[in-house]
C-alpha atoms as a PDB file:
ATOM      1  CA  MET A   1      19.983  17.752 -59.503  1.00  0.00           C
ATOM      2  CA  MET A   2      20.105  16.903 -55.668  1.00  0.00           C
ATOM      3  CA  ASN A   3      21.516  13.897 -54.257  1.00  0.00           C
ATOM      4  CA  ARG A   4      18.850  12.082 -52.199  1.00  0.00           C
ATOM      5  CA  ARG A   5      20.072   9.772 -49.595  1.00  0.00           C
ATOM      6  CA  LYS A   6      17.919   7.525 -47.418  1.00  0.00           C
ATOM      7  CA  GLN A   7      17.585   8.479 -43.748  1.00  0.00           C
ATOM      8  CA  ALA A   8      19.739   6.594 -41.203  1.00  0.00           C
ATOM      9  CA  GLY A   9      18.293   5.445 -38.118  1.00  0.00           C
ATOM     10  CA  LEU A  10      14.613   5.224 -36.720  1.00  0.00           C
ATOM     11  CA  SER A  11      11.839   6.576 -38.752  1.00  0.00           C
ATOM     12  CA  LEU A  12       9.512   9.346 -37.222  1.00  0.00           C
ATOM     13  CA  LEU A  13       6.536   6.611 -37.436  1.00  0.00           C
ATOM     14  CA  TRP A  14       8.551   4.243 -35.090  1.00  0.00           C
ATOM     15  CA  VAL A  15       9.735   6.979 -32.796  1.00  0.00           C
ATOM     16  CA  ALA A  16       5.948   7.969 -32.397  1.00  0.00           C
ATOM     17  CA  VAL A  17       4.897   4.399 -31.974  1.00  0.00           C
ATOM     18  CA  PHE A  18       7.426   4.041 -29.177  1.00  0.00           C
ATOM     19  CA  MET A  19       6.606   7.131 -27.237  1.00  0.00           C
ATOM     20  CA  ALA A  20       2.865   6.206 -27.393  1.00  0.00           C
ATOM     21  CA  LEU A  21       3.741   2.826 -25.788  1.00  0.00           C
ATOM     22  CA  PHE A  22       5.999   4.533 -23.427  1.00  0.00           C
ATOM     23  CA  SER A  23       3.263   7.084 -22.400  1.00  0.00           C
ATOM     24  CA  PHE A  24       0.622   4.296 -21.833  1.00  0.00           C
ATOM     25  CA  ALA A  25       3.109   2.505 -19.577  1.00  0.00           C
ATOM     26  CA  ALA A  26       3.764   5.789 -17.686  1.00  0.00           C
ATOM     27  CA  MET A  27      -0.067   6.710 -17.314  1.00  0.00           C
ATOM     28  CA  ALA A  28      -0.492   3.290 -16.065  1.00  0.00           C
ATOM     29  CA  ALA A  29       1.847   3.570 -13.549  1.00  0.00           C
ATOM     30  CA  LEU A  30       0.585   6.833 -12.292  1.00  0.00           C
ATOM     31  CA  PHE A  31      -2.951   5.417 -12.167  1.00  0.00           C
ATOM     32  CA  ALA A  32      -1.796   2.468 -10.121  1.00  0.00           C
ATOM     33  CA  MET A  33      -0.004   4.682  -7.839  1.00  0.00           C
ATOM     34  CA  ARG A  34      -3.099   6.657  -7.056  1.00  0.00           C
ATOM     35  CA  TYR A  35      -5.460   4.065  -6.644  1.00  0.00           C
ATOM     36  CA  ASP A  36      -2.906   1.866  -4.477  1.00  0.00           C
ATOM     37  CA  ARG A  37      -2.925  -1.129  -7.104  1.00  0.00           C
ATOM     38  CA  ASN A  38      -0.149  -2.586  -8.863  1.00  0.00           C
ATOM     39  CA  LEU A  39      -1.591  -2.999 -12.715  1.00  0.00           C
ATOM     40  CA  PHE A  40       1.476  -4.666 -13.880  1.00  0.00           C
ATOM     41  CA  VAL A  41       1.349  -7.474 -11.248  1.00  0.00           C
ATOM     42  CA  GLU A  42      -2.269  -7.841 -11.576  1.00  0.00           C
ATOM     43  CA  ALA A  43      -1.798  -8.371 -15.335  1.00  0.00           C
ATOM     44  CA  TRP A  44       1.104 -10.766 -14.857  1.00  0.00           C
ATOM     45  CA  SER A  45      -0.858 -12.755 -12.404  1.00  0.00           C
ATOM     46  CA  GLY A  46      -3.889 -12.809 -14.543  1.00  0.00           C
ATOM     47  CA  LEU A  47      -1.432 -14.498 -17.312  1.00  0.00           C
ATOM     48  CA  ILE A  48      -0.074 -16.957 -14.899  1.00  0.00           C
ATOM     49  CA  ARG A  49      -3.770 -17.630 -13.294  1.00  0.00           C
ATOM     50  CA  ALA A  50      -5.126 -18.389 -16.681  1.00  0.00           C
ATOM     51  CA  SER A  51      -2.613 -21.269 -17.172  1.00  0.00           C
ATOM     52  CA  GLY A  52      -2.866 -22.976 -13.432  1.00  0.00           C
ATOM     53  CA  SER A  53      -6.222 -22.519 -12.083  1.00  0.00           C
ATOM     54  CA  ALA A  54      -6.437 -26.407 -11.366  1.00  0.00           C
ATOM     55  CA  ASP A  55      -3.314 -26.191  -9.100  1.00  0.00           C
ATOM     56  CA  THR A  56      -4.547 -23.099  -7.147  1.00  0.00           C
ATOM     57  CA  ILE A  57      -8.008 -24.928  -6.566  1.00  0.00           C
ATOM     58  CA  LYS A  58      -5.911 -28.031  -5.023  1.00  0.00           C
ATOM     59  CA  LYS A  59      -3.726 -25.932  -2.976  1.00  0.00           C
ATOM     60  CA  SER A  60      -6.584 -23.890  -1.401  1.00  0.00           C
ATOM     61  CA  GLN A  61      -8.488 -27.255  -0.610  1.00  0.00           C
ATOM     62  CA  GLN A  62      -5.413 -28.445   0.998  1.00  0.00           C
ATOM     63  CA  ALA A  63      -5.042 -25.457   3.074  1.00  0.00           C
ATOM     64  CA  ILE A  64      -8.860 -25.386   4.115  1.00  0.00           C
ATOM     65  CA  GLU A  65      -7.948 -29.247   5.355  1.00  0.00           C
ATOM     66  CA  THR A  66      -5.101 -27.975   7.482  1.00  0.00           C
ATOM     67  CA  VAL A  67      -7.135 -25.287   9.043  1.00  0.00           C
ATOM     68  CA  THR A  68      -9.939 -27.422   9.998  1.00  0.00           C
ATOM     69  CA  LYS A  69      -7.521 -30.095  11.558  1.00  0.00           C
ATOM     70  CA  GLY A  70      -6.819 -27.426  13.985  1.00  0.00           C
ATOM     71  CA  GLU A  71      -3.051 -27.199  13.334  1.00  0.00           C
ATOM     72  CA  SER A  72      -1.746 -23.902  14.439  1.00  0.00           C
ATOM     73  CA  SER A  73      -0.213 -21.660  11.746  1.00  0.00           C
ATOM     74  CA  ALA A  74       1.473 -18.448  11.742  1.00  0.00           C
ATOM     75  CA  LEU A  75       0.092 -15.192  10.239  1.00  0.00           C
ATOM     76  CA  ARG A  76       1.406 -14.881   6.907  1.00  0.00           C
ATOM     77  CA  LYS A  77       1.520 -11.821   4.388  1.00  0.00           C
ATOM     78  CA  CYS A  78       1.114 -12.409   0.779  1.00  0.00           C
ATOM     79  CA  THR A  79       0.894 -10.315  -2.336  1.00  0.00           C
ATOM     80  CA  VAL A  80      -2.023 -11.716  -4.563  1.00  0.00           C
ATOM     81  CA  ASP A  81      -3.163 -10.059  -7.678  1.00  0.00           C
ATOM     82  CA  GLY A  82      -1.289  -7.152  -6.768  1.00  0.00           C
ATOM     83  CA  LYS A  83      -2.912  -6.546  -3.269  1.00  0.00           C
ATOM     84  CA  VAL A  84      -1.580  -7.306   0.034  1.00  0.00           C
ATOM     85  CA  MET A  85      -3.305 -10.186   2.141  1.00  0.00           C
ATOM     86  CA  TYR A  86      -2.916 -11.319   5.555  1.00  0.00           C
ATOM     87  CA  SER A  87      -3.679 -14.984   6.210  1.00  0.00           C
ATOM     88  CA  ASN A  88      -3.149 -17.762   8.502  1.00  0.00           C
ATOM     89  CA  VAL A  89      -3.289 -20.300   5.667  1.00  0.00           C
ATOM     90  CA  GLU A  90      -0.356 -20.941   3.647  1.00  0.00           C
ATOM     91  CA  CYS A  91       0.052 -19.004   0.657  1.00  0.00           C
ATOM     92  CA  ASP A  92       0.708 -20.487  -2.975  1.00  0.00           C
ATOM     93  CA  GLY A  93       4.005 -22.174  -3.120  1.00  0.00           C
ATOM     94  CA  LYS A  94       4.906 -20.429  -6.456  1.00  0.00           C
ATOM     95  CA  ASN A  95       4.289 -16.848  -4.553  1.00  0.00           C
ATOM     96  CA  SER A  96       7.614 -15.357  -3.752  1.00  0.00           C
ATOM     97  CA  THR A  97       6.083 -12.553  -1.654  1.00  0.00           C
ATOM     98  CA  THR A  98       5.145 -14.613   1.329  1.00  0.00           C
ATOM     99  CA  LYS A  99       6.476 -13.476   4.596  1.00  0.00           C
ATOM    100  CA  THR A 100       5.848 -14.686   8.204  1.00  0.00           C
ATOM    101  CA  VAL A 101       4.305 -11.805  10.412  1.00  0.00           C
ATOM    102  CA  ARG A 102       5.215 -11.415  13.985  1.00  0.00           C
ATOM    103  CA  VAL A 103       2.219 -10.140  15.914  1.00  0.00           C
ATOM    104  CA  ARG A 104       2.655  -7.567  18.813  1.00  0.00           C
ATOM    105  CA  ASP A 105       0.228  -6.647  21.023  1.00  0.00           C
ATOM    106  CA  SER A 106       0.288  -2.727  21.243  1.00  0.00           C
ATOM    107  CA  GLN A 107      -2.130  -2.375  24.251  1.00  0.00           C
ATOM    108  CA  GLY A 108      -3.899   0.341  22.213  1.00  0.00           C
ATOM    109  CA  PHE A 109      -3.523   4.317  22.629  1.00  0.00           C
ATOM    110  CA  ASP A 110      -4.401   6.306  26.128  1.00  0.00           C
ATOM    111  CA  ALA A 111      -6.696   9.218  25.677  1.00  0.00           C
ATOM    112  CA  PRO A 112      -4.926  12.573  26.310  1.00  0.00           C
ATOM    113  CA  GLN A 113      -5.396  13.817  29.931  1.00  0.00           C
ATOM    114  CA  PRO A 114      -7.323  16.898  30.436  1.00  0.00           C
ATOM    115  CA  PRO A 115      -5.271  19.889  31.941  1.00  0.00           C
ATOM    116  CA  PRO A 116      -5.606  20.153  35.559  1.00  0.00           C
ATOM    117  CA  PRO A 117      -8.366  22.951  36.600  1.00  0.00           C
ATOM    118  CA  PRO A 118      -6.821  26.398  37.624  1.00  0.00           C
ATOM    119  CA  LYS A 119      -6.603  26.955  41.218  1.00  0.00           C
ATOM    120  CA  GLU A 120      -8.710  29.952  42.590  1.00  0.00           C
ATOM    121  CA  ASP A 121      -6.192  30.720  45.214  1.00  0.00           C
ATOM    122  CA  SER A 122      -3.140  31.113  43.190  1.00  0.00           C
ATOM    123  CA  ALA A 123      -1.464  34.278  42.656  1.00  0.00           C
ATOM    124  CA  PRO A 124      -2.936  36.813  40.037  1.00  0.00           C
ATOM    125  CA  ASN A 125      -1.087  36.811  36.618  1.00  0.00           C
ATOM    126  CA  MET A 126       0.344  40.033  34.655  1.00  0.00           C
ATOM    127  CA  GLN A 127      -3.215  40.466  32.723  1.00  0.00           C
ATOM    128  CA  ASP A 128      -5.078  40.431  35.781  1.00  0.00           C
ATOM    129  CA  LYS A 129      -2.913  42.751  37.650  1.00  0.00           C
ATOM    130  CA  LEU A 130      -3.157  45.374  34.689  1.00  0.00           C
ATOM    131  CA  ILE A 131      -6.747  45.205  34.579  1.00  0.00           C
ATOM    132  CA  GLU A 132      -7.041  45.916  38.421  1.00  0.00           C
ATOM    133  CA  LYS A 133      -4.671  48.678  38.056  1.00  0.00           C
ATOM    134  CA  THR A 134      -6.669  50.255  35.163  1.00  0.00           C
ATOM    135  CA  THR A 135     -10.004  49.757  36.883  1.00  0.00           C
ATOM    136  CA  LYS A 136      -8.754  51.672  40.033  1.00  0.00           C
ATOM    137  CA  MET A 137      -7.774  54.702  38.276  1.00  0.00           C
END
């Protein structure tokens, strides 16, 4: 009779479950890259937002009052729900991605200048000389 021993390590079922989860995360990352979204940050902020929505409303009301008072504020760059936003209002205090942006006036772009028109009295080029030579024969 054969001696049967139990398999050591992970079973094939758990390897399949792990690979399915890993494939799902990889496909979500590829989807996020294609459509310029960060699904992982959106899911995380959705979990946080569900727990602290009252604080967010209070902070936004305070920010609106600050703007209506006429106080000047710098331009800020924040990431909210996985999307980059620019605002002159203070971002959420819990948001660690807040950065102050320095605005530079670039004066725009100049249109390309057209080439100068060719001069009629200029010396003939090599192609013109060859055309004249062949027509004189």
